[in-house]
Amino acid sequence: MTETSSDIAQVLRERGARYVVDAEQRPVAVLLTPEEYEHYLDLLDDEADSQDEELAARLAQAADRSSQEERLSLQDYLRQR
């Protein structure tokens, strides 16, 4: 009887296995749940965004502009439009 990948994943979850080890029992990889992997990808995106100079300049400009100008209420904004 062959196990499918979902069967293997179920067994790993039930046993709480989190690491893949080599023949000498040294950890070589970490198993992530799909949710943890999605969170990891989000962190990578955030890190890439934090190093983007153009994005940082646009955010700084927006912050500077909003601190200099008084923000309009929604009703005032709609009247101006």
N, C-alpha and C. Protein backbone atom coordinates (compact mmCIF):
# COMPACT_ATOMS: atom_id res chain seq x y z
N MET A 1 0.85 -1.18 0.00
CA MET A 1 0.00 0.00 0.00
C MET A 1 0.89 1.24 0.00
N THR A 2 0.68 2.15 -0.96
CA THR A 2 1.47 3.36 -1.03
C THR A 2 0.73 4.49 -0.33
N GLU A 3 1.50 5.35 0.28
CA GLU A 3 0.92 6.50 0.98
C GLU A 3 0.93 7.70 0.05
N THR A 4 -0.14 8.45 0.08
CA THR A 4 -0.17 9.68 -0.70
C THR A 4 0.49 10.79 0.11
N SER A 5 0.75 11.91 -0.54
CA SER A 5 1.40 13.02 0.17
C SER A 5 0.52 13.55 1.30
N SER A 6 -0.80 13.50 1.14
CA SER A 6 -1.66 13.96 2.23
C SER A 6 -1.61 13.00 3.41
N ASP A 7 -1.46 11.68 3.13
CA ASP A 7 -1.31 10.70 4.22
C ASP A 7 -0.01 10.97 4.98
N ILE A 8 1.05 11.22 4.25
CA ILE A 8 2.34 11.50 4.88
C ILE A 8 2.25 12.78 5.71
N ALA A 9 1.63 13.80 5.16
CA ALA A 9 1.48 15.05 5.89
C ALA A 9 0.67 14.85 7.17
N GLN A 10 -0.35 14.04 7.09
CA GLN A 10 -1.18 13.75 8.27
C GLN A 10 -0.35 13.04 9.35
N VAL A 11 0.44 12.07 8.95
CA VAL A 11 1.29 11.35 9.90
C VAL A 11 2.27 12.31 10.56
N LEU A 12 2.87 13.18 9.77
CA LEU A 12 3.83 14.14 10.32
C LEU A 12 3.17 15.07 11.32
N ARG A 13 1.96 15.54 11.00
CA ARG A 13 1.25 16.42 11.93
C ARG A 13 0.93 15.70 13.23
N GLU A 14 0.48 14.45 13.11
CA GLU A 14 0.10 13.69 14.30
C GLU A 14 1.30 13.43 15.20
N ARG A 15 2.42 13.18 14.60
CA ARG A 15 3.61 12.87 15.39
C ARG A 15 4.39 14.11 15.79
N GLY A 16 4.03 15.25 15.27
CA GLY A 16 4.71 16.49 15.64
C GLY A 16 6.10 16.62 15.06
N ALA A 17 6.41 15.87 14.03
CA ALA A 17 7.75 15.95 13.43
C ALA A 17 7.91 17.31 12.77
N ARG A 18 8.97 17.98 13.09
CA ARG A 18 9.22 19.32 12.55
C ARG A 18 10.52 19.41 11.77
N TYR A 19 11.38 18.41 11.91
CA TYR A 19 12.68 18.47 11.27
C TYR A 19 12.91 17.25 10.40
N VAL A 20 13.66 17.45 9.32
CA VAL A 20 14.15 16.35 8.51
C VAL A 20 15.61 16.19 8.89
N VAL A 21 16.02 14.96 9.16
CA VAL A 21 17.40 14.71 9.57
C VAL A 21 18.09 13.83 8.55
N ASP A 22 19.42 13.91 8.54
CA ASP A 22 20.19 13.05 7.64
C ASP A 22 20.48 11.72 8.33
N ALA A 23 21.31 10.88 7.71
CA ALA A 23 21.59 9.54 8.23
C ALA A 23 22.28 9.59 9.59
N GLU A 24 22.89 10.71 9.91
CA GLU A 24 23.58 10.85 11.21
C GLU A 24 22.74 11.64 12.21
N GLN A 25 21.45 11.76 11.91
CA GLN A 25 20.48 12.44 12.79
C GLN A 25 20.77 13.92 12.99
N ARG A 26 21.41 14.55 12.01
CA ARG A 26 21.62 16.00 12.06
C ARG A 26 20.47 16.66 11.32
N PRO A 27 19.88 17.70 11.88
CA PRO A 27 18.78 18.40 11.19
C PRO A 27 19.28 19.02 9.88
N VAL A 28 18.54 18.79 8.81
CA VAL A 28 18.91 19.36 7.52
C VAL A 28 17.80 20.23 6.94
N ALA A 29 16.59 20.13 7.50
CA ALA A 29 15.48 20.94 7.00
C ALA A 29 14.43 21.06 8.09
N VAL A 30 13.58 22.06 7.94
CA VAL A 30 12.47 22.27 8.86
C VAL A 30 11.19 22.13 8.06
N LEU A 31 10.25 21.39 8.60
CA LEU A 31 8.96 21.24 7.95
C LEU A 31 8.04 22.38 8.40
N LEU A 32 7.36 22.98 7.45
CA LEU A 32 6.43 24.06 7.74
C LEU A 32 5.03 23.65 7.36
N THR A 33 4.07 24.12 8.13
CA THR A 33 2.68 23.93 7.74
C THR A 33 2.40 24.90 6.59
N PRO A 34 1.34 24.68 5.84
CA PRO A 34 1.01 25.64 4.78
C PRO A 34 0.83 27.06 5.32
N GLU A 35 0.26 27.20 6.50
CA GLU A 35 0.07 28.53 7.09
C GLU A 35 1.41 29.18 7.43
N GLU A 36 2.33 28.39 7.99
CA GLU A 36 3.66 28.92 8.31
C GLU A 36 4.40 29.31 7.05
N TYR A 37 4.26 28.51 5.99
CA TYR A 37 4.92 28.83 4.73
C TYR A 37 4.37 30.12 4.14
N GLU A 38 3.05 30.30 4.19
CA GLU A 38 2.43 31.54 3.70
C GLU A 38 2.94 32.74 4.49
N HIS A 39 3.05 32.58 5.81
CA HIS A 39 3.58 33.65 6.66
C HIS A 39 5.04 33.95 6.29
N TYR A 40 5.81 32.92 6.04
CA TYR A 40 7.21 33.09 5.63
C TYR A 40 7.30 33.89 4.32
N LEU A 41 6.45 33.57 3.36
CA LEU A 41 6.45 34.30 2.09
C LEU A 41 6.06 35.76 2.30
N ASP A 42 5.11 36.02 3.20
CA ASP A 42 4.73 37.40 3.52
C ASP A 42 5.90 38.16 4.12
N LEU A 43 6.65 37.50 5.00
CA LEU A 43 7.82 38.14 5.60
C LEU A 43 8.86 38.48 4.54
N LEU A 44 9.06 37.57 3.58
CA LEU A 44 10.01 37.85 2.49
C LEU A 44 9.56 39.05 1.67
N ASP A 45 8.26 39.14 1.39
CA ASP A 45 7.73 40.30 0.65
C ASP A 45 7.94 41.58 1.43
N ASP A 46 7.67 41.53 2.75
CA ASP A 46 7.86 42.72 3.59
C ASP A 46 9.32 43.15 3.60
N GLU A 47 10.21 42.19 3.67
CA GLU A 47 11.64 42.51 3.68
C GLU A 47 12.05 43.15 2.35
N ALA A 48 11.56 42.61 1.26
CA ALA A 48 11.88 43.17 -0.05
C ALA A 48 11.34 44.60 -0.17
N ASP A 49 10.12 44.81 0.33
CA ASP A 49 9.52 46.15 0.29
C ASP A 49 10.32 47.13 1.14
N SER A 50 10.84 46.68 2.28
CA SER A 50 11.57 47.58 3.17
C SER A 50 12.90 48.00 2.55
N GLN A 51 13.40 47.25 1.59
CA GLN A 51 14.67 47.59 0.94
C GLN A 51 14.47 48.32 -0.39
N ASP A 52 13.23 48.53 -0.78
CA ASP A 52 12.92 49.21 -2.04
C ASP A 52 13.03 50.72 -1.82
N GLU A 53 14.02 51.34 -2.46
CA GLU A 53 14.28 52.77 -2.25
C GLU A 53 13.15 53.64 -2.79
N GLU A 54 12.59 53.27 -3.93
CA GLU A 54 11.51 54.05 -4.52
C GLU A 54 10.28 54.04 -3.61
N LEU A 55 9.95 52.88 -3.09
CA LEU A 55 8.80 52.77 -2.18
C LEU A 55 9.05 53.56 -0.91
N ALA A 56 10.26 53.49 -0.36
CA ALA A 56 10.60 54.24 0.84
C ALA A 56 10.48 55.74 0.60
N ALA A 57 10.91 56.21 -0.57
CA ALA A 57 10.81 57.64 -0.89
C ALA A 57 9.36 58.07 -1.02
N ARG A 58 8.53 57.25 -1.65
CA ARG A 58 7.11 57.59 -1.79
C ARG A 58 6.42 57.62 -0.44
N LEU A 59 6.75 56.67 0.44
CA LEU A 59 6.16 56.66 1.78
C LEU A 59 6.60 57.88 2.59
N ALA A 60 7.86 58.24 2.47
CA ALA A 60 8.36 59.43 3.18
C ALA A 60 7.69 60.69 2.67
N GLN A 61 7.49 60.78 1.36
CA GLN A 61 6.82 61.94 0.77
C GLN A 61 5.37 62.01 1.25
N ALA A 62 4.69 60.90 1.28
CA ALA A 62 3.30 60.88 1.74
C ALA A 62 3.21 61.26 3.22
N ALA A 63 4.14 60.79 4.03
CA ALA A 63 4.14 61.12 5.46
C ALA A 63 4.42 62.60 5.65
N ASP A 64 5.36 63.13 4.87
CA ASP A 64 5.71 64.54 4.98
C ASP A 64 4.55 65.43 4.56
N ARG A 65 3.89 65.06 3.48
CA ARG A 65 2.77 65.84 2.98
C ARG A 65 1.61 65.84 3.98
N SER A 66 1.32 64.71 4.58
CA SER A 66 0.19 64.65 5.50
C SER A 66 0.48 65.40 6.80
N SER A 67 1.75 65.50 7.18
CA SER A 67 2.07 66.23 8.40
C SER A 67 2.03 67.74 8.15
N GLN A 68 2.25 68.17 6.90
CA GLN A 68 2.23 69.59 6.59
C GLN A 68 0.82 70.12 6.38
N GLU A 69 -0.03 69.30 5.82
CA GLU A 69 -1.38 69.73 5.50
C GLU A 69 -2.36 69.20 6.53
N GLU A 70 -3.36 70.00 6.80
CA GLU A 70 -4.40 69.51 7.67
C GLU A 70 -5.30 68.59 6.85
N ARG A 71 -5.64 67.49 7.42
CA ARG A 71 -6.47 66.53 6.69
C ARG A 71 -7.90 67.02 6.65
N LEU A 72 -8.50 66.85 5.49
CA LEU A 72 -9.89 67.24 5.30
C LEU A 72 -10.81 66.16 5.82
N SER A 73 -11.95 66.59 6.33
CA SER A 73 -12.95 65.60 6.68
C SER A 73 -13.50 65.01 5.38
N LEU A 74 -14.16 63.91 5.47
CA LEU A 74 -14.73 63.26 4.29
C LEU A 74 -15.75 64.18 3.61
N GLN A 75 -16.55 64.86 4.41
CA GLN A 75 -17.57 65.76 3.83
C GLN A 75 -16.90 66.92 3.08
N ASP A 76 -15.86 67.50 3.65
CA ASP A 76 -15.15 68.59 2.97
C ASP A 76 -14.49 68.09 1.68
N TYR A 77 -13.92 66.92 1.73
CA TYR A 77 -13.29 66.36 0.55
C TYR A 77 -14.33 66.15 -0.56
N LEU A 78 -15.48 65.60 -0.20
CA LEU A 78 -16.52 65.37 -1.20
C LEU A 78 -17.05 66.68 -1.76
N ARG A 79 -17.14 67.71 -0.93
CA ARG A 79 -17.59 69.03 -1.45
C ARG A 79 -16.59 69.59 -2.46
N GLN A 80 -15.31 69.41 -2.21
CA GLN A 80 -14.29 69.92 -3.13
C GLN A 80 -14.30 69.17 -4.46
N ARG A 81 -14.62 67.92 -4.41
CA ARG A 81 -14.67 67.13 -5.64
C ARG A 81 -15.87 67.54 -6.44
